[in-house]
Every structure is written in structure tokens, then in C-alpha cells.
Amino acid sequence: MVQVSGVGAKWASLGAKTLLEKGAKALLSWGSAGGLISKLSPGSLILPKTIFGADEALYHTDAAWHKRLWSRLKGCIDLHEEPLAEATAVLTHFTEKAALFQRTGAIAVDMESAAVAAVAKEAGVPFMAVRAIADSVDMTIPQCALSNEFGRLNVSSLLKGLAKQPFDLFTLFRLGRSFLAAQKTLARVARLAGSNLLAPVSNGEQA
């Protein structure tokens, strides 16, 4: 089952709970992330063992599920298992990303995985995060490129922003290429891991 949640912890939590109500026996946070260290380039894949919440809570992904995915993807994708951190807003500048790395030691950031992990922990079901890097640590994201809480871009704001800062257009082209690299990585993960992404079933064995 797939649930498109929207941006941020609130919507991710609601989406995760909806999946459980529909009968899901495990939860996976799937999508893009921002890099917090220079060795991560657009398209790098994060399979974290731990996730730091913005409230300093610590969550662990399911060890057996992580091992299966890691074994299936190793050697095929630029793969990393260091911690993922939660942000409550998009980190648009290097200084914000560097500060989060210094505070947590996490190598990547997103806005949803910790919320899904919290729901999984409360429900007692396995949890995993699969996140591809869409913006590297040195990439500045223009304010006009930010989407709303439903993940939709405001075209009017984008055009007004470009009218004020026309050189942002080059940054947007770079950002577009980076998101395409992340999408290609996620598509490759789906091909290699299969439609169930090696998720566990209710008896604890691989599906």
C-alpha cells in the first residue's frame, strides 16, 4: 500500500496512521532527503539505522529489514547507513545544514521519517526509511522554489521570485537535475528490491 502524505511531520504521521488503519503490518518512509555532508551527491541513497527527531527522540529502523535491503542494494547504488535527522522546515542554506550535522552527527535530513518512525514505534510494527539525496550540502534552495504542505509548487510565487532574483534560475536548473538523480535512484531501488521492498510480514519473516 502507498500513502502520499504531504510535507512535514503532521502529514507524515497522519499518512502512517492511515496505512495502519488499512491493515499495514510495517511502515516505510520513502522519498528524498537533503545531504548534510560533502560525500553525499544527488542520487546517493540513505538507509539509516537510526533517525534523530527534532525533539531529540531517537528511533531505530528494523535491523532485519535493513540487512535485507542493504544486502540487495550494496554494490549497485551509492549506499549509506549513517543517521538521518528530522527538520521542521526546509533547510535552504549550507549554514543550516552544517549546524544540524554538528548538532546530531546525521549525514542527511528530511521532514517526515521521524514522524513515521514514531507511529511505527507506538504501533509496534517494523519501520524502515529509504531516502535519496535530492539536494547536496552546498546547494542553496531559493525561497521561490519551496512547495506548500501538500508538496505543490506555487507557480505565481516562483515567477515573482525569479523576477526579483533572475540568477536563481540557474540554481533551479541544478536543483531539477538533482531531483531527477534522486528519482532515478529510487526507481532503481524499486526494481532491485521488488514491489514489497523486502518488507517483513506479520510472522517476522521476509515477505
N, C-alpha and C. Protein backbone atom coordinates (compact mmCIF):
# COMPACT_ATOMS: atom_id res chain seq x y z
N MET A 1 0.84 -1.19 0.00
CA MET A 1 0.00 0.00 0.00
C MET A 1 0.87 1.25 0.00
N VAL A 2 0.42 2.28 -0.68
CA VAL A 2 1.15 3.54 -0.77
C VAL A 2 0.25 4.67 -0.29
N GLN A 3 0.79 5.56 0.53
CA GLN A 3 0.05 6.72 1.00
C GLN A 3 0.91 7.95 0.75
N VAL A 4 0.45 8.87 -0.10
CA VAL A 4 1.15 10.13 -0.32
C VAL A 4 0.71 11.09 0.77
N SER A 5 1.64 11.47 1.64
CA SER A 5 1.25 12.17 2.87
C SER A 5 1.23 13.68 2.75
N GLY A 6 2.15 14.25 1.97
CA GLY A 6 2.35 15.69 2.03
C GLY A 6 3.64 15.97 2.79
N VAL A 7 3.97 17.25 2.97
CA VAL A 7 5.26 17.65 3.53
C VAL A 7 5.16 17.85 5.04
N GLY A 8 6.12 17.32 5.78
CA GLY A 8 6.22 17.58 7.20
C GLY A 8 5.67 16.49 8.09
N ALA A 9 5.99 16.62 9.38
CA ALA A 9 5.67 15.60 10.37
C ALA A 9 4.18 15.37 10.53
N LYS A 10 3.40 16.43 10.55
CA LYS A 10 1.96 16.31 10.77
C LYS A 10 1.33 15.40 9.72
N TRP A 11 1.62 15.67 8.45
CA TRP A 11 1.01 14.90 7.37
C TRP A 11 1.60 13.50 7.26
N ALA A 12 2.89 13.38 7.56
CA ALA A 12 3.51 12.05 7.53
C ALA A 12 2.90 11.16 8.61
N SER A 13 2.65 11.72 9.78
CA SER A 13 2.05 10.95 10.86
C SER A 13 0.64 10.50 10.49
N LEU A 14 -0.13 11.41 9.92
CA LEU A 14 -1.49 11.05 9.50
C LEU A 14 -1.47 9.98 8.42
N GLY A 15 -0.54 10.11 7.48
CA GLY A 15 -0.43 9.11 6.42
C GLY A 15 -0.07 7.74 6.96
N ALA A 16 0.87 7.71 7.91
CA ALA A 16 1.29 6.44 8.50
C ALA A 16 0.14 5.79 9.26
N LYS A 17 -0.62 6.58 9.99
CA LYS A 17 -1.76 6.04 10.74
C LYS A 17 -2.84 5.51 9.80
N THR A 18 -3.01 6.20 8.67
CA THR A 18 -3.99 5.74 7.67
C THR A 18 -3.59 4.37 7.13
N LEU A 19 -2.29 4.16 6.88
CA LEU A 19 -1.83 2.87 6.39
C LEU A 19 -2.09 1.77 7.41
N LEU A 20 -1.86 2.06 8.68
CA LEU A 20 -2.11 1.07 9.73
C LEU A 20 -3.59 0.72 9.81
N GLU A 21 -4.43 1.74 9.66
CA GLU A 21 -5.87 1.51 9.70
C GLU A 21 -6.32 0.63 8.52
N LYS A 22 -5.58 0.71 7.41
CA LYS A 22 -5.91 -0.11 6.24
C LYS A 22 -5.32 -1.51 6.32
N GLY A 23 -4.58 -1.78 7.39
CA GLY A 23 -4.06 -3.13 7.60
C GLY A 23 -2.57 -3.31 7.39
N ALA A 24 -1.82 -2.23 7.19
CA ALA A 24 -0.37 -2.35 7.02
C ALA A 24 0.27 -2.95 8.26
N LYS A 25 1.24 -3.84 8.06
CA LYS A 25 1.93 -4.50 9.16
C LYS A 25 3.37 -4.00 9.32
N ALA A 26 3.77 -3.08 8.49
CA ALA A 26 5.09 -2.45 8.57
C ALA A 26 4.99 -1.09 7.89
N LEU A 27 5.87 -0.17 8.25
CA LEU A 27 5.84 1.18 7.68
C LEU A 27 7.21 1.54 7.11
N LEU A 28 7.19 2.19 5.94
CA LEU A 28 8.42 2.63 5.29
C LEU A 28 8.28 4.08 4.87
N SER A 29 9.27 4.88 5.22
CA SER A 29 9.32 6.28 4.78
C SER A 29 10.16 6.34 3.52
N TRP A 30 9.55 6.79 2.43
CA TRP A 30 10.16 6.71 1.09
C TRP A 30 10.16 8.09 0.46
N GLY A 31 11.29 8.51 -0.09
CA GLY A 31 11.32 9.80 -0.78
C GLY A 31 12.72 10.39 -0.84
N SER A 32 12.79 11.71 -0.84
CA SER A 32 14.07 12.41 -0.99
C SER A 32 14.54 12.97 0.35
N ALA A 33 15.79 13.39 0.36
CA ALA A 33 16.39 13.98 1.55
C ALA A 33 17.44 14.99 1.13
N GLY A 34 17.88 15.80 2.08
CA GLY A 34 18.95 16.74 1.83
C GLY A 34 20.24 16.23 2.43
N GLY A 35 21.35 16.42 1.73
CA GLY A 35 22.64 15.99 2.24
C GLY A 35 23.20 16.97 3.26
N LEU A 36 23.86 16.43 4.29
CA LEU A 36 24.48 17.27 5.32
C LEU A 36 26.00 17.19 5.31
N ILE A 37 26.55 16.31 4.45
CA ILE A 37 28.00 16.17 4.34
C ILE A 37 28.38 16.14 2.87
N SER A 38 29.63 16.48 2.59
CA SER A 38 30.05 16.66 1.20
C SER A 38 30.13 15.36 0.42
N LYS A 39 30.31 14.21 1.08
CA LYS A 39 30.46 12.96 0.33
C LYS A 39 29.15 12.47 -0.29
N LEU A 40 28.04 13.08 0.09
CA LEU A 40 26.76 12.70 -0.49
C LEU A 40 26.45 13.58 -1.69
N SER A 41 26.22 12.97 -2.82
CA SER A 41 25.86 13.70 -4.02
C SER A 41 24.42 13.38 -4.40
N PRO A 42 23.81 14.18 -5.27
CA PRO A 42 22.44 13.87 -5.69
C PRO A 42 22.34 12.45 -6.24
N GLY A 43 21.39 11.70 -5.72
CA GLY A 43 21.24 10.31 -6.11
C GLY A 43 21.79 9.32 -5.11
N SER A 44 22.64 9.78 -4.16
CA SER A 44 23.11 8.89 -3.10
C SER A 44 21.91 8.40 -2.30
N LEU A 45 22.00 7.18 -1.79
CA LEU A 45 20.87 6.59 -1.06
C LEU A 45 21.20 6.43 0.42
N ILE A 46 20.24 6.81 1.25
CA ILE A 46 20.37 6.68 2.70
C ILE A 46 19.45 5.57 3.18
N LEU A 47 20.05 4.54 3.79
CA LEU A 47 19.30 3.51 4.51
C LEU A 47 19.75 3.62 5.97
N PRO A 48 19.17 4.53 6.72
CA PRO A 48 19.70 4.80 8.07
C PRO A 48 19.35 3.70 9.06
N LYS A 49 20.25 3.48 10.00
CA LYS A 49 19.94 2.59 11.11
C LYS A 49 19.25 3.34 12.23
N THR A 50 19.51 4.65 12.31
CA THR A 50 18.89 5.48 13.34
C THR A 50 18.41 6.79 12.75
N ILE A 51 17.42 7.38 13.41
CA ILE A 51 16.85 8.67 12.99
C ILE A 51 16.70 9.55 14.21
N PHE A 52 17.19 10.78 14.11
CA PHE A 52 17.07 11.75 15.18
C PHE A 52 15.85 12.63 14.93
N GLY A 53 14.91 12.65 15.87
CA GLY A 53 13.77 13.54 15.77
C GLY A 53 14.15 14.96 16.14
N ALA A 54 13.37 15.92 15.67
CA ALA A 54 13.63 17.32 16.00
C ALA A 54 13.49 17.57 17.50
N ASP A 55 12.72 16.70 18.18
CA ASP A 55 12.55 16.81 19.63
C ASP A 55 13.60 16.01 20.39
N GLU A 56 14.66 15.58 19.70
CA GLU A 56 15.78 14.81 20.24
C GLU A 56 15.43 13.35 20.53
N ALA A 57 14.26 12.90 20.10
CA ALA A 57 13.93 11.48 20.21
C ALA A 57 14.81 10.69 19.24
N LEU A 58 15.12 9.45 19.60
CA LEU A 58 15.95 8.59 18.76
C LEU A 58 15.13 7.36 18.35
N TYR A 59 15.10 7.09 17.04
CA TYR A 59 14.35 5.95 16.51
C TYR A 59 15.30 5.02 15.77
N HIS A 60 14.98 3.74 15.80
CA HIS A 60 15.78 2.74 15.12
C HIS A 60 14.96 2.07 14.02
N THR A 61 15.59 1.86 12.87
CA THR A 61 14.93 1.10 11.82
C THR A 61 15.04 -0.38 12.15
N ASP A 62 14.18 -1.18 11.52
CA ASP A 62 14.15 -2.61 11.77
C ASP A 62 15.45 -3.26 11.28
N ALA A 63 16.18 -3.92 12.17
CA ALA A 63 17.51 -4.44 11.84
C ALA A 63 17.48 -5.49 10.74
N ALA A 64 16.54 -6.42 10.81
CA ALA A 64 16.48 -7.49 9.80
C ALA A 64 16.09 -6.93 8.44
N TRP A 65 15.14 -6.01 8.42
CA TRP A 65 14.70 -5.38 7.17
C TRP A 65 15.85 -4.59 6.55
N HIS A 66 16.56 -3.83 7.42
CA HIS A 66 17.70 -3.06 6.96
C HIS A 66 18.76 -3.98 6.34
N LYS A 67 19.04 -5.09 6.98
CA LYS A 67 20.05 -6.03 6.48
C LYS A 67 19.67 -6.58 5.11
N ARG A 68 18.39 -6.92 4.93
CA ARG A 68 17.94 -7.46 3.64
C ARG A 68 18.10 -6.43 2.53
N LEU A 69 17.66 -5.20 2.80
CA LEU A 69 17.77 -4.15 1.79
C LEU A 69 19.23 -3.83 1.49
N TRP A 70 20.03 -3.73 2.53
CA TRP A 70 21.44 -3.41 2.34
C TRP A 70 22.12 -4.46 1.48
N SER A 71 21.87 -5.72 1.79
CA SER A 71 22.47 -6.81 1.02
C SER A 71 22.04 -6.80 -0.44
N ARG A 72 20.77 -6.46 -0.69
CA ARG A 72 20.25 -6.44 -2.05
C ARG A 72 20.81 -5.26 -2.85
N LEU A 73 21.04 -4.12 -2.19
CA LEU A 73 21.41 -2.90 -2.91
C LEU A 73 22.91 -2.62 -2.93
N LYS A 74 23.67 -3.23 -2.02
CA LYS A 74 25.10 -2.97 -1.92
C LYS A 74 25.79 -3.31 -3.24
N GLY A 75 26.64 -2.39 -3.68
CA GLY A 75 27.36 -2.59 -4.93
C GLY A 75 26.63 -2.11 -6.16
N CYS A 76 25.35 -1.80 -6.00
CA CYS A 76 24.54 -1.34 -7.13
C CYS A 76 24.24 0.15 -7.07
N ILE A 77 24.29 0.72 -5.85
CA ILE A 77 23.91 2.10 -5.61
C ILE A 77 24.89 2.71 -4.61
N ASP A 78 25.13 4.01 -4.69
CA ASP A 78 25.93 4.70 -3.69
C ASP A 78 25.15 4.71 -2.38
N LEU A 79 25.52 3.85 -1.45
CA LEU A 79 24.68 3.49 -0.31
C LEU A 79 25.32 3.93 1.01
N HIS A 80 24.50 4.45 1.93
CA HIS A 80 24.99 4.94 3.22
C HIS A 80 23.99 4.56 4.32
N GLU A 81 24.51 4.23 5.51
CA GLU A 81 23.64 3.80 6.60
C GLU A 81 23.76 4.66 7.86
N GLU A 82 24.49 5.78 7.77
CA GLU A 82 24.62 6.67 8.91
C GLU A 82 23.28 7.35 9.22
N PRO A 83 23.17 8.03 10.39
CA PRO A 83 21.88 8.57 10.83
C PRO A 83 21.26 9.61 9.90
N LEU A 84 19.94 9.63 9.96
CA LEU A 84 19.11 10.63 9.28
C LEU A 84 18.50 11.52 10.36
N ALA A 85 18.40 12.81 10.11
CA ALA A 85 17.84 13.75 11.09
C ALA A 85 16.56 14.39 10.56
N GLU A 86 15.71 14.79 11.49
CA GLU A 86 14.46 15.47 11.14
C GLU A 86 14.64 16.98 11.22
N ALA A 87 14.08 17.69 10.28
CA ALA A 87 13.99 19.15 10.31
C ALA A 87 12.52 19.54 10.28
N THR A 88 12.18 20.63 10.93
CA THR A 88 10.80 21.09 10.95
C THR A 88 10.49 22.04 9.80
N ALA A 89 11.52 22.43 9.05
CA ALA A 89 11.35 23.26 7.87
C ALA A 89 12.47 22.92 6.90
N VAL A 90 12.28 23.27 5.62
CA VAL A 90 13.31 23.00 4.62
C VAL A 90 14.57 23.79 4.96
N LEU A 91 15.71 23.10 4.96
CA LEU A 91 16.99 23.77 5.18
C LEU A 91 17.48 24.29 3.84
N THR A 92 17.48 25.58 3.68
CA THR A 92 17.74 26.17 2.37
C THR A 92 19.18 26.59 2.15
N HIS A 93 19.99 26.60 3.20
CA HIS A 93 21.35 27.14 3.07
C HIS A 93 22.36 26.22 3.74
N PHE A 94 23.60 26.28 3.27
CA PHE A 94 24.68 25.46 3.81
C PHE A 94 24.83 25.61 5.32
N THR A 95 24.72 26.84 5.82
CA THR A 95 24.93 27.06 7.24
C THR A 95 23.91 26.30 8.10
N GLU A 96 22.67 26.21 7.63
CA GLU A 96 21.65 25.47 8.36
C GLU A 96 21.96 23.97 8.36
N LYS A 97 22.41 23.48 7.22
CA LYS A 97 22.74 22.06 7.11
C LYS A 97 23.96 21.72 7.96
N ALA A 98 24.96 22.59 7.93
CA ALA A 98 26.17 22.36 8.72
C ALA A 98 25.85 22.36 10.22
N ALA A 99 24.96 23.24 10.63
CA ALA A 99 24.60 23.31 12.05
C ALA A 99 23.89 22.04 12.50
N LEU A 100 23.02 21.49 11.65
CA LEU A 100 22.32 20.25 12.00
C LEU A 100 23.29 19.08 12.08
N PHE A 101 24.26 19.03 11.17
CA PHE A 101 25.26 17.98 11.21
C PHE A 101 26.08 18.07 12.50
N GLN A 102 26.49 19.26 12.85
CA GLN A 102 27.29 19.45 14.07
C GLN A 102 26.50 19.05 15.31
N ARG A 103 25.21 19.31 15.30
CA ARG A 103 24.38 19.02 16.47
C ARG A 103 24.04 17.54 16.60
N THR A 104 23.88 16.84 15.49
CA THR A 104 23.38 15.47 15.54
C THR A 104 24.35 14.41 15.03
N GLY A 105 25.27 14.80 14.15
CA GLY A 105 26.13 13.81 13.50
C GLY A 105 25.44 13.08 12.36
N ALA A 106 24.18 13.46 12.07
CA ALA A 106 23.45 12.85 10.96
C ALA A 106 24.05 13.31 9.63
N ILE A 107 23.94 12.46 8.61
CA ILE A 107 24.52 12.81 7.31
C ILE A 107 23.47 13.33 6.33
N ALA A 108 22.18 13.20 6.67
CA ALA A 108 21.11 13.64 5.77
C ALA A 108 19.92 14.08 6.59
N VAL A 109 19.01 14.79 5.94
CA VAL A 109 17.87 15.36 6.64
C VAL A 109 16.60 15.24 5.81
N ASP A 110 15.49 14.96 6.47
CA ASP A 110 14.18 15.07 5.83
C ASP A 110 13.17 15.57 6.86
N MET A 111 11.92 15.66 6.47
CA MET A 111 10.90 16.23 7.35
C MET A 111 9.81 15.24 7.75
N GLU A 112 9.94 13.98 7.32
CA GLU A 112 8.85 13.02 7.53
C GLU A 112 9.24 11.72 8.25
N SER A 113 10.46 11.25 8.06
CA SER A 113 10.81 9.90 8.52
C SER A 113 10.66 9.72 10.02
N ALA A 114 11.06 10.71 10.80
CA ALA A 114 10.94 10.58 12.26
C ALA A 114 9.48 10.44 12.68
N ALA A 115 8.60 11.16 12.01
CA ALA A 115 7.17 11.07 12.34
C ALA A 115 6.62 9.68 12.03
N VAL A 116 7.02 9.11 10.89
CA VAL A 116 6.58 7.76 10.55
C VAL A 116 7.17 6.76 11.53
N ALA A 117 8.43 6.97 11.91
CA ALA A 117 9.08 6.09 12.89
C ALA A 117 8.36 6.12 14.22
N ALA A 118 7.90 7.30 14.62
CA ALA A 118 7.19 7.43 15.90
C ALA A 118 5.87 6.65 15.88
N VAL A 119 5.15 6.72 14.76
CA VAL A 119 3.90 5.98 14.63
C VAL A 119 4.17 4.48 14.65
N ALA A 120 5.22 4.05 13.95
CA ALA A 120 5.57 2.63 13.92
C ALA A 120 5.95 2.13 15.31
N LYS A 121 6.71 2.92 16.04
CA LYS A 121 7.12 2.53 17.40
C LYS A 121 5.91 2.38 18.30
N GLU A 122 4.99 3.33 18.22
CA GLU A 122 3.80 3.27 19.06
C GLU A 122 2.93 2.06 18.72
N ALA A 123 2.87 1.72 17.42
CA ALA A 123 2.04 0.61 16.98
C ALA A 123 2.75 -0.74 17.12
N GLY A 124 4.07 -0.72 17.35
CA GLY A 124 4.82 -1.94 17.48
C GLY A 124 5.03 -2.68 16.18
N VAL A 125 5.18 -1.93 15.08
CA VAL A 125 5.40 -2.56 13.76
C VAL A 125 6.79 -2.18 13.25
N PRO A 126 7.38 -3.00 12.38
CA PRO A 126 8.70 -2.69 11.81
C PRO A 126 8.68 -1.39 11.01
N PHE A 127 9.81 -0.71 11.03
CA PHE A 127 9.93 0.56 10.32
C PHE A 127 11.25 0.60 9.55
N MET A 128 11.21 1.22 8.38
CA MET A 128 12.40 1.44 7.57
C MET A 128 12.29 2.78 6.85
N ALA A 129 13.42 3.40 6.55
CA ALA A 129 13.47 4.63 5.76
C ALA A 129 14.36 4.42 4.56
N VAL A 130 13.88 4.84 3.41
CA VAL A 130 14.65 4.79 2.16
C VAL A 130 14.59 6.19 1.56
N ARG A 131 15.71 6.89 1.57
CA ARG A 131 15.73 8.28 1.14
C ARG A 131 16.90 8.56 0.20
N ALA A 132 16.61 9.16 -0.94
CA ALA A 132 17.64 9.51 -1.92
C ALA A 132 17.95 11.00 -1.83
N ILE A 133 19.21 11.35 -1.93
CA ILE A 133 19.63 12.74 -1.81
C ILE A 133 19.20 13.54 -3.04
N ALA A 134 18.46 14.61 -2.77
CA ALA A 134 17.98 15.48 -3.85
C ALA A 134 18.66 16.84 -3.84
N ASP A 135 19.22 17.24 -2.72
CA ASP A 135 19.99 18.49 -2.69
C ASP A 135 21.23 18.27 -1.81
N SER A 136 22.38 18.54 -2.38
CA SER A 136 23.65 18.33 -1.67
C SER A 136 23.86 19.45 -0.66
N VAL A 137 24.85 19.25 0.22
CA VAL A 137 25.05 20.16 1.33
C VAL A 137 25.38 21.58 0.87
N ASP A 138 26.02 21.71 -0.29
CA ASP A 138 26.42 23.03 -0.77
C ASP A 138 25.35 23.74 -1.60
N MET A 139 24.21 23.09 -1.76
CA MET A 139 23.17 23.65 -2.62
C MET A 139 22.23 24.57 -1.83
N THR A 140 22.08 25.80 -2.31
CA THR A 140 21.12 26.74 -1.73
C THR A 140 19.80 26.62 -2.47
N ILE A 141 18.72 26.51 -1.71
CA ILE A 141 17.40 26.37 -2.32
C ILE A 141 16.68 27.71 -2.26
N PRO A 142 16.35 28.31 -3.40
CA PRO A 142 15.65 29.60 -3.40
C PRO A 142 14.29 29.49 -2.73
N GLN A 143 13.91 30.52 -2.03
CA GLN A 143 12.61 30.53 -1.36
C GLN A 143 11.47 30.35 -2.34
N CYS A 144 11.63 30.86 -3.54
CA CYS A 144 10.55 30.77 -4.53
C CYS A 144 10.32 29.34 -4.99
N ALA A 145 11.28 28.43 -4.71
CA ALA A 145 11.16 27.05 -5.15
C ALA A 145 10.51 26.15 -4.11
N LEU A 146 10.20 26.68 -2.94
CA LEU A 146 9.63 25.86 -1.88
C LEU A 146 8.16 25.55 -2.16
N SER A 147 7.78 24.31 -1.91
CA SER A 147 6.40 23.89 -2.12
C SER A 147 5.58 24.12 -0.86
N ASN A 148 4.26 23.99 -0.97
CA ASN A 148 3.41 24.11 0.20
C ASN A 148 3.35 22.77 0.93
N GLU A 149 2.52 22.68 1.97
CA GLU A 149 2.48 21.48 2.80
C GLU A 149 1.96 20.26 2.05
N PHE A 150 1.35 20.48 0.90
CA PHE A 150 0.85 19.36 0.09
C PHE A 150 1.85 18.99 -1.02
N GLY A 151 3.05 19.61 -0.99
CA GLY A 151 4.07 19.30 -1.97
C GLY A 151 3.87 19.97 -3.31
N ARG A 152 2.99 20.97 -3.37
CA ARG A 152 2.70 21.64 -4.64
C ARG A 152 3.46 22.97 -4.72
N LEU A 153 4.04 23.22 -5.87
CA LEU A 153 4.79 24.46 -6.10
C LEU A 153 3.83 25.59 -6.45
N ASN A 154 4.05 26.76 -5.86
CA ASN A 154 3.25 27.94 -6.17
C ASN A 154 3.90 28.64 -7.37
N VAL A 155 3.30 28.47 -8.54
CA VAL A 155 3.88 29.00 -9.77
C VAL A 155 3.98 30.52 -9.72
N SER A 156 2.97 31.17 -9.16
CA SER A 156 2.98 32.62 -9.07
C SER A 156 4.15 33.11 -8.22
N SER A 157 4.38 32.47 -7.08
CA SER A 157 5.50 32.85 -6.22
C SER A 157 6.83 32.57 -6.90
N LEU A 158 6.88 31.48 -7.67
CA LEU A 158 8.10 31.15 -8.39
C LEU A 158 8.45 32.23 -9.41
N LEU A 159 7.46 32.65 -10.18
CA LEU A 159 7.70 33.67 -11.21
C LEU A 159 8.06 35.02 -10.58
N LYS A 160 7.39 35.37 -9.49
CA LYS A 160 7.72 36.64 -8.81
C LYS A 160 9.13 36.60 -8.25
N GLY A 161 9.50 35.44 -7.69
CA GLY A 161 10.84 35.30 -7.14
C GLY A 161 11.91 35.40 -8.21
N LEU A 162 11.66 34.78 -9.36
CA LEU A 162 12.63 34.85 -10.44
C LEU A 162 12.74 36.25 -11.03
N ALA A 163 11.63 36.98 -11.00
CA ALA A 163 11.66 38.37 -11.48
C ALA A 163 12.57 39.23 -10.60
N LYS A 164 12.59 38.93 -9.30
CA LYS A 164 13.43 39.68 -8.37
C LYS A 164 14.88 39.17 -8.37
N GLN A 165 15.02 37.85 -8.52
CA GLN A 165 16.35 37.23 -8.49
C GLN A 165 16.51 36.32 -9.71
N PRO A 166 16.72 36.87 -10.89
CA PRO A 166 16.76 36.06 -12.11
C PRO A 166 17.86 35.00 -12.11
N PHE A 167 18.96 35.24 -11.38
CA PHE A 167 20.04 34.27 -11.36
C PHE A 167 19.66 32.99 -10.61
N ASP A 168 18.54 33.04 -9.87
CA ASP A 168 18.05 31.83 -9.21
C ASP A 168 17.64 30.76 -10.22
N LEU A 169 17.43 31.19 -11.47
CA LEU A 169 17.03 30.24 -12.50
C LEU A 169 18.09 29.16 -12.68
N PHE A 170 19.38 29.53 -12.59
CA PHE A 170 20.45 28.55 -12.73
C PHE A 170 20.44 27.56 -11.57
N THR A 171 20.14 28.06 -10.37
CA THR A 171 20.03 27.18 -9.20
C THR A 171 18.87 26.22 -9.36
N LEU A 172 17.77 26.71 -9.94
CA LEU A 172 16.61 25.85 -10.14
C LEU A 172 16.91 24.74 -11.15
N PHE A 173 17.67 25.05 -12.19
CA PHE A 173 18.07 24.01 -13.15
C PHE A 173 18.91 22.94 -12.46
N ARG A 174 19.83 23.38 -11.62
CA ARG A 174 20.68 22.43 -10.88
C ARG A 174 19.83 21.59 -9.93
N LEU A 175 18.90 22.25 -9.26
CA LEU A 175 18.02 21.53 -8.34
C LEU A 175 17.16 20.51 -9.08
N GLY A 176 16.69 20.89 -10.26
CA GLY A 176 15.89 19.97 -11.07
C GLY A 176 16.68 18.73 -11.45
N ARG A 177 17.93 18.92 -11.86
CA ARG A 177 18.79 17.78 -12.21
C ARG A 177 19.03 16.89 -10.98
N SER A 178 19.17 17.52 -9.83
CA SER A 178 19.42 16.76 -8.61
C SER A 178 18.21 15.92 -8.21
N PHE A 179 17.02 16.49 -8.34
CA PHE A 179 15.80 15.73 -8.03
C PHE A 179 15.63 14.58 -9.02
N LEU A 180 16.01 14.80 -10.27
CA LEU A 180 15.92 13.73 -11.25
C LEU A 180 16.86 12.58 -10.87
N ALA A 181 18.06 12.92 -10.38
CA ALA A 181 19.00 11.89 -9.93
C ALA A 181 18.43 11.10 -8.76
N ALA A 182 17.76 11.80 -7.84
CA ALA A 182 17.14 11.12 -6.70
C ALA A 182 16.02 10.19 -7.16
N GLN A 183 15.22 10.66 -8.10
CA GLN A 183 14.12 9.84 -8.62
C GLN A 183 14.65 8.59 -9.32
N LYS A 184 15.74 8.72 -10.06
CA LYS A 184 16.32 7.57 -10.74
C LYS A 184 16.83 6.54 -9.74
N THR A 185 17.43 7.02 -8.66
CA THR A 185 17.90 6.10 -7.62
C THR A 185 16.74 5.36 -6.99
N LEU A 186 15.67 6.07 -6.65
CA LEU A 186 14.52 5.42 -6.03
C LEU A 186 13.88 4.40 -6.98
N ALA A 187 13.83 4.74 -8.26
CA ALA A 187 13.30 3.79 -9.23
C ALA A 187 14.17 2.54 -9.30
N ARG A 188 15.47 2.72 -9.19
CA ARG A 188 16.37 1.57 -9.22
C ARG A 188 16.19 0.71 -7.97
N VAL A 189 16.00 1.35 -6.82
CA VAL A 189 15.74 0.61 -5.58
C VAL A 189 14.50 -0.26 -5.75
N ALA A 190 13.45 0.31 -6.32
CA ALA A 190 12.20 -0.43 -6.51
C ALA A 190 12.41 -1.63 -7.43
N ARG A 191 13.22 -1.47 -8.47
CA ARG A 191 13.48 -2.58 -9.38
C ARG A 191 14.28 -3.69 -8.70
N LEU A 192 15.29 -3.29 -7.92
CA LEU A 192 16.17 -4.26 -7.29
C LEU A 192 15.51 -4.97 -6.10
N ALA A 193 14.72 -4.24 -5.34
CA ALA A 193 14.15 -4.79 -4.11
C ALA A 193 12.76 -5.38 -4.31
N GLY A 194 12.13 -5.07 -5.43
CA GLY A 194 10.80 -5.61 -5.69
C GLY A 194 9.70 -4.73 -5.11
N SER A 195 8.48 -5.07 -5.45
CA SER A 195 7.34 -4.22 -5.10
C SER A 195 7.11 -4.11 -3.60
N ASN A 196 7.50 -5.12 -2.83
CA ASN A 196 7.29 -5.05 -1.38
C ASN A 196 8.51 -4.53 -0.63
N LEU A 197 9.59 -4.20 -1.38
CA LEU A 197 10.81 -3.64 -0.80
C LEU A 197 11.36 -4.48 0.34
N LEU A 198 11.18 -5.81 0.22
CA LEU A 198 11.71 -6.78 1.18
C LEU A 198 11.15 -6.58 2.59
N ALA A 199 9.97 -6.04 2.67
CA ALA A 199 9.34 -5.78 3.98
C ALA A 199 9.02 -7.09 4.69
N PRO A 200 9.05 -7.07 6.03
CA PRO A 200 8.67 -8.25 6.79
C PRO A 200 7.15 -8.45 6.75
N VAL A 201 6.73 -9.67 6.97
CA VAL A 201 5.31 -9.95 7.12
C VAL A 201 5.00 -10.13 8.60
N SER A 202 3.77 -10.38 8.93
CA SER A 202 3.34 -10.37 10.32
C SER A 202 4.03 -11.39 11.20
N ASN A 203 4.51 -12.49 10.62
CA ASN A 203 5.19 -13.50 11.44
C ASN A 203 6.68 -13.24 11.60
N GLY A 204 7.12 -12.07 11.10
CA GLY A 204 8.50 -11.66 11.29
C GLY A 204 9.44 -12.12 10.20
N GLU A 205 8.95 -12.94 9.25
CA GLU A 205 9.78 -13.39 8.16
C GLU A 205 9.66 -12.45 6.99
N GLN A 206 10.56 -12.61 6.03
CA GLN A 206 10.53 -11.77 4.84
C GLN A 206 9.31 -12.07 4.00
N ALA A 207 8.67 -10.99 3.48
CA ALA A 207 7.52 -11.14 2.62
C ALA A 207 7.96 -11.65 1.25
